[in-house]
Amino acid sequence: MPTPEDVVDAICRGGWPRHLNKPVAQAQLLLRNYLGEICRADISSVDGVVRDPIGVERLTASASRNIATMASFTKLAKEASGERGLNRTTATEYVRSLERLFIVEDLPHWSTHLRSRATLLRSPKRHFADPSLAAAATGATTHH
């Protein structure tokens, strides 16, 4: 039976085949480097628009803090703004570029018609392709 620490380690290591036998700290370093490359190069090449790497990095960290929530683009922009500023439109463009890179994905709202005509959720929830990316974006570590 896995311990809670084993589960946290598995989340931080992720499902990347080359990371499965690596120490968690090494896997997280590789993931932070991967995200850094996405923020510096891939985000601009995916749609040919030059993006601010620091803004993308801050937006990615904001999205990871709000994983599986219905956080609005306005909220993500506000959290990611920092010194350089980030507005809702820019945050939306950054997230859409991250979606094209298959880093984040929105899970559509869920509605049921079992007993109610009301929609249970009205906004999509944003997820990372692998939870280890969210851990890397926030700099999360495991301590045991």
N, C-alpha and C. Protein backbone atom coordinates (compact mmCIF):
# COMPACT_ATOMS: atom_id res chain seq x y z
N MET A 1 0.85 -1.18 0.00
CA MET A 1 0.00 0.00 0.00
C MET A 1 0.90 1.25 0.00
N PRO A 2 0.71 2.14 -0.95
CA PRO A 2 1.54 3.34 -0.99
C PRO A 2 1.24 4.27 0.18
N THR A 3 2.28 4.90 0.65
CA THR A 3 2.13 5.89 1.73
C THR A 3 1.77 7.24 1.12
N PRO A 4 1.29 8.19 1.91
CA PRO A 4 1.04 9.54 1.37
C PRO A 4 2.30 10.14 0.73
N GLU A 5 3.46 9.86 1.31
CA GLU A 5 4.71 10.37 0.74
C GLU A 5 4.97 9.77 -0.64
N ASP A 6 4.64 8.48 -0.81
CA ASP A 6 4.79 7.84 -2.12
C ASP A 6 3.91 8.51 -3.16
N VAL A 7 2.71 8.87 -2.76
CA VAL A 7 1.77 9.51 -3.68
C VAL A 7 2.28 10.90 -4.08
N VAL A 8 2.77 11.66 -3.10
CA VAL A 8 3.32 12.99 -3.40
C VAL A 8 4.53 12.86 -4.32
N ASP A 9 5.38 11.90 -4.05
CA ASP A 9 6.53 11.67 -4.92
C ASP A 9 6.10 11.35 -6.34
N ALA A 10 5.09 10.50 -6.48
CA ALA A 10 4.60 10.12 -7.81
C ALA A 10 4.03 11.32 -8.54
N ILE A 11 3.31 12.19 -7.84
CA ILE A 11 2.75 13.39 -8.46
C ILE A 11 3.87 14.31 -8.92
N CYS A 12 4.87 14.51 -8.08
CA CYS A 12 5.97 15.42 -8.43
C CYS A 12 6.90 14.85 -9.50
N ARG A 13 7.00 13.55 -9.56
CA ARG A 13 7.84 12.91 -10.59
C ARG A 13 7.08 12.86 -11.91
N GLY A 14 5.79 12.62 -11.84
CA GLY A 14 4.95 12.59 -13.03
C GLY A 14 5.02 11.26 -13.75
N GLY A 15 4.35 11.22 -14.88
CA GLY A 15 4.28 9.99 -15.66
C GLY A 15 5.26 9.94 -16.82
N TRP A 16 6.28 10.76 -16.76
CA TRP A 16 7.29 10.81 -17.82
C TRP A 16 8.16 9.55 -17.73
N PRO A 17 8.18 8.73 -18.77
CA PRO A 17 8.90 7.45 -18.68
C PRO A 17 10.34 7.56 -18.20
N ARG A 18 11.07 8.57 -18.65
CA ARG A 18 12.48 8.69 -18.24
C ARG A 18 12.63 9.18 -16.80
N HIS A 19 11.55 9.63 -16.19
CA HIS A 19 11.63 10.14 -14.82
C HIS A 19 11.22 9.10 -13.78
N LEU A 20 10.64 8.01 -14.21
CA LEU A 20 10.06 7.05 -13.27
C LEU A 20 11.08 6.48 -12.28
N ASN A 21 12.32 6.32 -12.69
CA ASN A 21 13.33 5.76 -11.80
C ASN A 21 14.31 6.80 -11.28
N LYS A 22 14.02 8.07 -11.51
CA LYS A 22 14.90 9.14 -11.03
C LYS A 22 14.43 9.63 -9.67
N PRO A 23 15.34 10.16 -8.87
CA PRO A 23 14.91 10.80 -7.63
C PRO A 23 13.98 11.97 -7.95
N VAL A 24 13.04 12.24 -7.06
CA VAL A 24 12.05 13.30 -7.30
C VAL A 24 12.72 14.64 -7.56
N ALA A 25 13.76 14.97 -6.79
CA ALA A 25 14.43 16.26 -6.96
C ALA A 25 15.01 16.39 -8.37
N GLN A 26 15.58 15.33 -8.89
CA GLN A 26 16.15 15.37 -10.24
C GLN A 26 15.04 15.49 -11.28
N ALA A 27 13.94 14.76 -11.11
CA ALA A 27 12.82 14.85 -12.04
C ALA A 27 12.24 16.26 -12.04
N GLN A 28 12.10 16.87 -10.87
CA GLN A 28 11.57 18.23 -10.80
C GLN A 28 12.52 19.23 -11.45
N LEU A 29 13.81 19.05 -11.30
CA LEU A 29 14.78 19.93 -11.97
C LEU A 29 14.63 19.83 -13.49
N LEU A 30 14.51 18.62 -13.99
CA LEU A 30 14.31 18.43 -15.43
C LEU A 30 13.01 19.07 -15.90
N LEU A 31 11.96 18.96 -15.10
CA LEU A 31 10.67 19.56 -15.45
C LEU A 31 10.72 21.08 -15.42
N ARG A 32 11.42 21.64 -14.43
CA ARG A 32 11.57 23.10 -14.38
C ARG A 32 12.35 23.59 -15.60
N ASN A 33 13.37 22.84 -16.00
CA ASN A 33 14.13 23.20 -17.21
C ASN A 33 13.25 23.11 -18.45
N TYR A 34 12.41 22.09 -18.51
CA TYR A 34 11.48 21.91 -19.63
C TYR A 34 10.51 23.09 -19.70
N LEU A 35 9.92 23.46 -18.57
CA LEU A 35 9.01 24.60 -18.54
C LEU A 35 9.75 25.89 -18.91
N GLY A 36 10.97 26.03 -18.46
CA GLY A 36 11.76 27.20 -18.81
C GLY A 36 11.96 27.32 -20.31
N GLU A 37 12.22 26.21 -20.96
CA GLU A 37 12.39 26.20 -22.41
C GLU A 37 11.07 26.54 -23.11
N ILE A 38 9.98 26.05 -22.58
CA ILE A 38 8.66 26.38 -23.13
C ILE A 38 8.43 27.89 -23.02
N CYS A 39 8.75 28.46 -21.87
CA CYS A 39 8.54 29.90 -21.65
C CYS A 39 9.46 30.75 -22.51
N ARG A 40 10.68 30.29 -22.76
CA ARG A 40 11.65 31.07 -23.54
C ARG A 40 11.47 30.91 -25.05
N ALA A 41 11.19 29.72 -25.52
CA ALA A 41 11.23 29.48 -26.97
C ALA A 41 9.92 28.94 -27.54
N ASP A 42 9.44 27.85 -27.00
CA ASP A 42 8.30 27.16 -27.59
C ASP A 42 7.04 28.03 -27.64
N ILE A 43 6.80 28.81 -26.60
CA ILE A 43 5.59 29.62 -26.52
C ILE A 43 5.52 30.63 -27.67
N SER A 44 6.65 31.12 -28.11
CA SER A 44 6.67 32.08 -29.21
C SER A 44 6.64 31.39 -30.57
N SER A 45 7.21 30.20 -30.65
CA SER A 45 7.27 29.52 -31.95
C SER A 45 5.96 28.83 -32.31
N VAL A 46 5.13 28.52 -31.32
CA VAL A 46 3.90 27.78 -31.60
C VAL A 46 2.94 28.55 -32.49
N ASP A 47 2.92 29.87 -32.36
CA ASP A 47 2.03 30.65 -33.21
C ASP A 47 2.72 31.85 -33.86
N GLY A 48 4.05 31.91 -33.73
CA GLY A 48 4.81 32.96 -34.39
C GLY A 48 4.70 34.33 -33.76
N VAL A 49 4.23 34.40 -32.52
CA VAL A 49 4.09 35.67 -31.81
C VAL A 49 5.10 35.69 -30.67
N VAL A 50 5.91 36.73 -30.61
CA VAL A 50 6.91 36.84 -29.56
C VAL A 50 6.20 37.07 -28.22
N ARG A 51 6.52 36.23 -27.25
CA ARG A 51 5.92 36.31 -25.92
C ARG A 51 7.00 36.67 -24.90
N ASP A 52 6.59 37.30 -23.82
CA ASP A 52 7.50 37.65 -22.73
C ASP A 52 7.74 36.41 -21.88
N PRO A 53 8.94 35.85 -21.87
CA PRO A 53 9.20 34.62 -21.12
C PRO A 53 8.88 34.74 -19.63
N ILE A 54 9.18 35.89 -19.03
CA ILE A 54 8.89 36.06 -17.60
C ILE A 54 7.39 36.10 -17.36
N GLY A 55 6.67 36.77 -18.24
CA GLY A 55 5.21 36.80 -18.12
C GLY A 55 4.61 35.41 -18.28
N VAL A 56 5.12 34.63 -19.23
CA VAL A 56 4.62 33.27 -19.43
C VAL A 56 4.93 32.42 -18.20
N GLU A 57 6.13 32.58 -17.65
CA GLU A 57 6.50 31.83 -16.45
C GLU A 57 5.58 32.17 -15.28
N ARG A 58 5.30 33.44 -15.09
CA ARG A 58 4.40 33.86 -14.01
C ARG A 58 2.98 33.35 -14.24
N LEU A 59 2.54 33.40 -15.50
CA LEU A 59 1.20 32.91 -15.82
C LEU A 59 1.11 31.40 -15.57
N THR A 60 2.16 30.67 -15.93
CA THR A 60 2.19 29.23 -15.70
C THR A 60 2.14 28.91 -14.21
N ALA A 61 2.86 29.68 -13.40
CA ALA A 61 2.81 29.48 -11.95
C ALA A 61 1.42 29.80 -11.41
N SER A 62 0.81 30.86 -11.91
CA SER A 62 -0.55 31.21 -11.49
C SER A 62 -1.53 30.10 -11.86
N ALA A 63 -1.42 29.59 -13.08
CA ALA A 63 -2.30 28.50 -13.50
C ALA A 63 -2.10 27.27 -12.64
N SER A 64 -0.86 27.01 -12.24
CA SER A 64 -0.61 25.82 -11.40
C SER A 64 -1.18 26.00 -10.00
N ARG A 65 -1.18 27.22 -9.49
CA ARG A 65 -1.80 27.47 -8.18
C ARG A 65 -3.32 27.35 -8.25
N ASN A 66 -3.86 27.52 -9.44
CA ASN A 66 -5.30 27.46 -9.63
C ASN A 66 -5.73 26.22 -10.41
N ILE A 67 -4.93 25.18 -10.35
CA ILE A 67 -5.21 23.96 -11.09
C ILE A 67 -6.56 23.38 -10.66
N ALA A 68 -7.30 22.89 -11.63
CA ALA A 68 -8.60 22.26 -11.41
C ALA A 68 -9.63 23.20 -10.76
N THR A 69 -9.46 24.49 -11.00
CA THR A 69 -10.44 25.46 -10.53
C THR A 69 -11.04 26.16 -11.74
N MET A 70 -12.02 26.99 -11.48
CA MET A 70 -12.64 27.77 -12.55
C MET A 70 -12.08 29.19 -12.56
N ALA A 71 -10.78 29.33 -12.26
CA ALA A 71 -10.15 30.65 -12.21
C ALA A 71 -10.28 31.34 -13.55
N SER A 72 -10.69 32.58 -13.52
CA SER A 72 -10.86 33.35 -14.75
C SER A 72 -9.51 33.82 -15.27
N PHE A 73 -9.49 34.23 -16.53
CA PHE A 73 -8.27 34.80 -17.10
C PHE A 73 -7.89 36.08 -16.36
N THR A 74 -8.88 36.81 -15.90
CA THR A 74 -8.61 38.03 -15.12
C THR A 74 -7.86 37.69 -13.85
N LYS A 75 -8.30 36.65 -13.15
CA LYS A 75 -7.63 36.23 -11.91
C LYS A 75 -6.21 35.77 -12.20
N LEU A 76 -6.04 34.97 -13.25
CA LEU A 76 -4.70 34.49 -13.60
C LEU A 76 -3.79 35.67 -13.93
N ALA A 77 -4.31 36.64 -14.69
CA ALA A 77 -3.52 37.82 -15.07
C ALA A 77 -3.13 38.62 -13.84
N LYS A 78 -4.06 38.80 -12.92
CA LYS A 78 -3.78 39.58 -11.72
C LYS A 78 -2.69 38.92 -10.89
N GLU A 79 -2.78 37.60 -10.71
CA GLU A 79 -1.76 36.88 -9.95
C GLU A 79 -0.40 36.89 -10.63
N ALA A 80 -0.41 36.92 -11.96
CA ALA A 80 0.84 36.81 -12.72
C ALA A 80 1.43 38.16 -13.08
N SER A 81 0.77 39.26 -12.72
CA SER A 81 1.15 40.56 -13.25
C SER A 81 2.55 41.01 -12.86
N GLY A 82 2.92 40.98 -11.60
CA GLY A 82 4.26 41.38 -11.20
C GLY A 82 4.61 42.78 -11.67
N GLU A 83 5.89 43.05 -11.84
CA GLU A 83 6.37 44.37 -12.24
C GLU A 83 6.00 44.72 -13.68
N ARG A 84 6.01 43.75 -14.55
CA ARG A 84 5.81 43.99 -15.98
C ARG A 84 4.34 44.15 -16.35
N GLY A 85 3.45 43.75 -15.47
CA GLY A 85 2.03 43.84 -15.77
C GLY A 85 1.58 42.77 -16.74
N LEU A 86 0.40 42.29 -16.55
CA LEU A 86 -0.18 41.28 -17.43
C LEU A 86 -1.68 41.52 -17.41
N ASN A 87 -2.26 41.70 -18.57
CA ASN A 87 -3.70 41.95 -18.61
C ASN A 87 -4.45 40.68 -19.03
N ARG A 88 -5.76 40.75 -18.96
CA ARG A 88 -6.60 39.59 -19.25
C ARG A 88 -6.37 39.07 -20.67
N THR A 89 -6.28 39.97 -21.63
CA THR A 89 -6.09 39.55 -23.02
C THR A 89 -4.77 38.81 -23.19
N THR A 90 -3.71 39.33 -22.60
CA THR A 90 -2.41 38.66 -22.70
C THR A 90 -2.45 37.30 -22.01
N ALA A 91 -3.06 37.24 -20.83
CA ALA A 91 -3.18 35.96 -20.12
C ALA A 91 -3.94 34.95 -20.96
N THR A 92 -5.00 35.39 -21.60
CA THR A 92 -5.79 34.50 -22.46
C THR A 92 -4.93 33.99 -23.62
N GLU A 93 -4.18 34.88 -24.26
CA GLU A 93 -3.32 34.47 -25.37
C GLU A 93 -2.25 33.48 -24.91
N TYR A 94 -1.65 33.73 -23.74
CA TYR A 94 -0.63 32.82 -23.22
C TYR A 94 -1.22 31.44 -22.96
N VAL A 95 -2.38 31.40 -22.33
CA VAL A 95 -3.00 30.10 -22.03
C VAL A 95 -3.35 29.38 -23.32
N ARG A 96 -3.87 30.07 -24.30
CA ARG A 96 -4.20 29.43 -25.58
C ARG A 96 -2.95 28.87 -26.26
N SER A 97 -1.84 29.59 -26.16
CA SER A 97 -0.58 29.07 -26.71
C SER A 97 -0.12 27.84 -25.93
N LEU A 98 -0.26 27.84 -24.62
CA LEU A 98 0.09 26.67 -23.81
C LEU A 98 -0.81 25.49 -24.15
N GLU A 99 -2.05 25.75 -24.50
CA GLU A 99 -2.95 24.68 -24.94
C GLU A 99 -2.45 24.09 -26.26
N ARG A 100 -2.02 24.95 -27.19
CA ARG A 100 -1.51 24.46 -28.47
C ARG A 100 -0.24 23.63 -28.28
N LEU A 101 0.49 23.89 -27.22
CA LEU A 101 1.69 23.11 -26.91
C LEU A 101 1.37 21.87 -26.08
N PHE A 102 0.10 21.67 -25.77
CA PHE A 102 -0.36 20.53 -24.97
C PHE A 102 0.23 20.52 -23.56
N ILE A 103 0.38 21.72 -22.99
CA ILE A 103 0.86 21.85 -21.62
C ILE A 103 -0.32 21.98 -20.67
N VAL A 104 -1.32 22.76 -21.05
CA VAL A 104 -2.54 22.88 -20.26
C VAL A 104 -3.75 22.51 -21.12
N GLU A 105 -4.82 22.15 -20.44
CA GLU A 105 -6.05 21.80 -21.14
C GLU A 105 -7.23 22.14 -20.25
N ASP A 106 -8.27 22.69 -20.86
CA ASP A 106 -9.50 22.97 -20.12
C ASP A 106 -10.41 21.76 -20.18
N LEU A 107 -10.93 21.40 -19.02
CA LEU A 107 -11.94 20.35 -18.94
C LEU A 107 -13.29 21.06 -18.95
N PRO A 108 -14.12 20.82 -19.97
CA PRO A 108 -15.38 21.54 -20.07
C PRO A 108 -16.27 21.35 -18.84
N HIS A 109 -17.16 22.33 -18.65
CA HIS A 109 -18.08 22.24 -17.51
C HIS A 109 -18.93 20.99 -17.64
N TRP A 110 -19.45 20.58 -16.53
CA TRP A 110 -20.24 19.37 -16.48
C TRP A 110 -21.66 19.73 -16.11
N SER A 111 -22.60 19.19 -16.84
CA SER A 111 -23.98 19.40 -16.45
C SER A 111 -24.67 18.05 -16.44
N THR A 112 -25.64 17.96 -15.61
CA THR A 112 -26.39 16.72 -15.51
C THR A 112 -27.86 17.00 -15.70
N HIS A 113 -28.54 16.07 -16.25
CA HIS A 113 -29.98 16.20 -16.43
C HIS A 113 -30.69 15.14 -15.61
N LEU A 114 -29.98 14.59 -14.64
CA LEU A 114 -30.58 13.52 -13.86
C LEU A 114 -31.79 14.01 -13.06
N ARG A 115 -31.64 15.08 -12.32
CA ARG A 115 -32.74 15.55 -11.48
C ARG A 115 -32.96 17.05 -11.55
N SER A 116 -32.09 17.72 -12.24
CA SER A 116 -32.17 19.17 -12.24
C SER A 116 -31.88 19.70 -13.63
N ARG A 117 -32.49 20.81 -13.94
CA ARG A 117 -32.19 21.47 -15.21
C ARG A 117 -31.00 22.42 -15.07
N ALA A 118 -30.56 22.63 -13.86
CA ALA A 118 -29.45 23.56 -13.61
C ALA A 118 -28.13 22.91 -13.98
N THR A 119 -27.25 23.70 -14.55
CA THR A 119 -25.90 23.25 -14.83
C THR A 119 -25.11 23.33 -13.53
N LEU A 120 -24.40 22.28 -13.19
CA LEU A 120 -23.65 22.28 -11.94
C LEU A 120 -22.44 23.20 -12.02
N LEU A 121 -21.72 23.16 -13.11
CA LEU A 121 -20.57 24.02 -13.29
C LEU A 121 -20.76 24.81 -14.58
N ARG A 122 -20.37 26.07 -14.55
CA ARG A 122 -20.59 26.90 -15.72
C ARG A 122 -19.29 27.22 -16.48
N SER A 123 -18.16 27.05 -15.87
CA SER A 123 -16.89 27.37 -16.50
C SER A 123 -16.01 26.12 -16.54
N PRO A 124 -15.13 26.06 -17.52
CA PRO A 124 -14.22 24.91 -17.56
C PRO A 124 -13.18 24.99 -16.45
N LYS A 125 -12.60 23.86 -16.13
CA LYS A 125 -11.51 23.81 -15.17
C LYS A 125 -10.23 23.52 -15.93
N ARG A 126 -9.18 24.22 -15.57
CA ARG A 126 -7.90 24.11 -16.28
C ARG A 126 -7.01 23.09 -15.57
N HIS A 127 -6.39 22.24 -16.38
CA HIS A 127 -5.48 21.21 -15.87
C HIS A 127 -4.19 21.24 -16.67
N PHE A 128 -3.13 20.74 -16.08
CA PHE A 128 -1.87 20.54 -16.79
C PHE A 128 -1.87 19.14 -17.39
N ALA A 129 -1.11 18.96 -18.47
CA ALA A 129 -1.03 17.66 -19.13
C ALA A 129 -0.55 16.60 -18.15
N ASP A 130 0.28 16.98 -17.22
CA ASP A 130 0.79 16.08 -16.18
C ASP A 130 0.89 16.90 -14.90
N PRO A 131 0.43 16.37 -13.77
CA PRO A 131 0.47 17.15 -12.52
C PRO A 131 1.88 17.56 -12.10
N SER A 132 2.88 16.84 -12.57
CA SER A 132 4.25 17.19 -12.22
C SER A 132 4.64 18.55 -12.79
N LEU A 133 4.01 18.95 -13.90
CA LEU A 133 4.28 20.27 -14.49
C LEU A 133 3.78 21.37 -13.56
N ALA A 134 2.64 21.16 -12.94
CA ALA A 134 2.11 22.14 -12.00
C ALA A 134 3.04 22.25 -10.79
N ALA A 135 3.51 21.12 -10.30
CA ALA A 135 4.45 21.14 -9.18
C ALA A 135 5.73 21.88 -9.56
N ALA A 136 6.23 21.63 -10.75
CA ALA A 136 7.46 22.30 -11.21
C ALA A 136 7.24 23.79 -11.39
N ALA A 137 6.08 24.18 -11.90
CA ALA A 137 5.79 25.60 -12.14
C ALA A 137 5.75 26.42 -10.85
N THR A 138 5.35 25.78 -9.76
CA THR A 138 5.30 26.49 -8.47
C THR A 138 6.57 26.29 -7.65
N GLY A 139 7.45 25.42 -8.14
CA GLY A 139 8.68 25.13 -7.38
C GLY A 139 8.44 24.24 -6.18
N ALA A 140 7.36 23.47 -6.21
CA ALA A 140 7.03 22.59 -5.09
C ALA A 140 8.13 21.53 -4.92
N THR A 141 8.36 21.17 -3.69
CA THR A 141 9.35 20.14 -3.39
C THR A 141 8.74 19.15 -2.41
N THR A 142 9.35 17.99 -2.32
CA THR A 142 8.94 17.01 -1.33
C THR A 142 10.01 16.98 -0.25
N HIS A 143 9.57 16.88 0.96
CA HIS A 143 10.51 16.79 2.10
C HIS A 143 10.10 15.61 2.95
N HIS A 144 10.98 14.63 3.02
CA HIS A 144 10.80 13.55 3.99
C HIS A 144 12.12 13.02 4.42
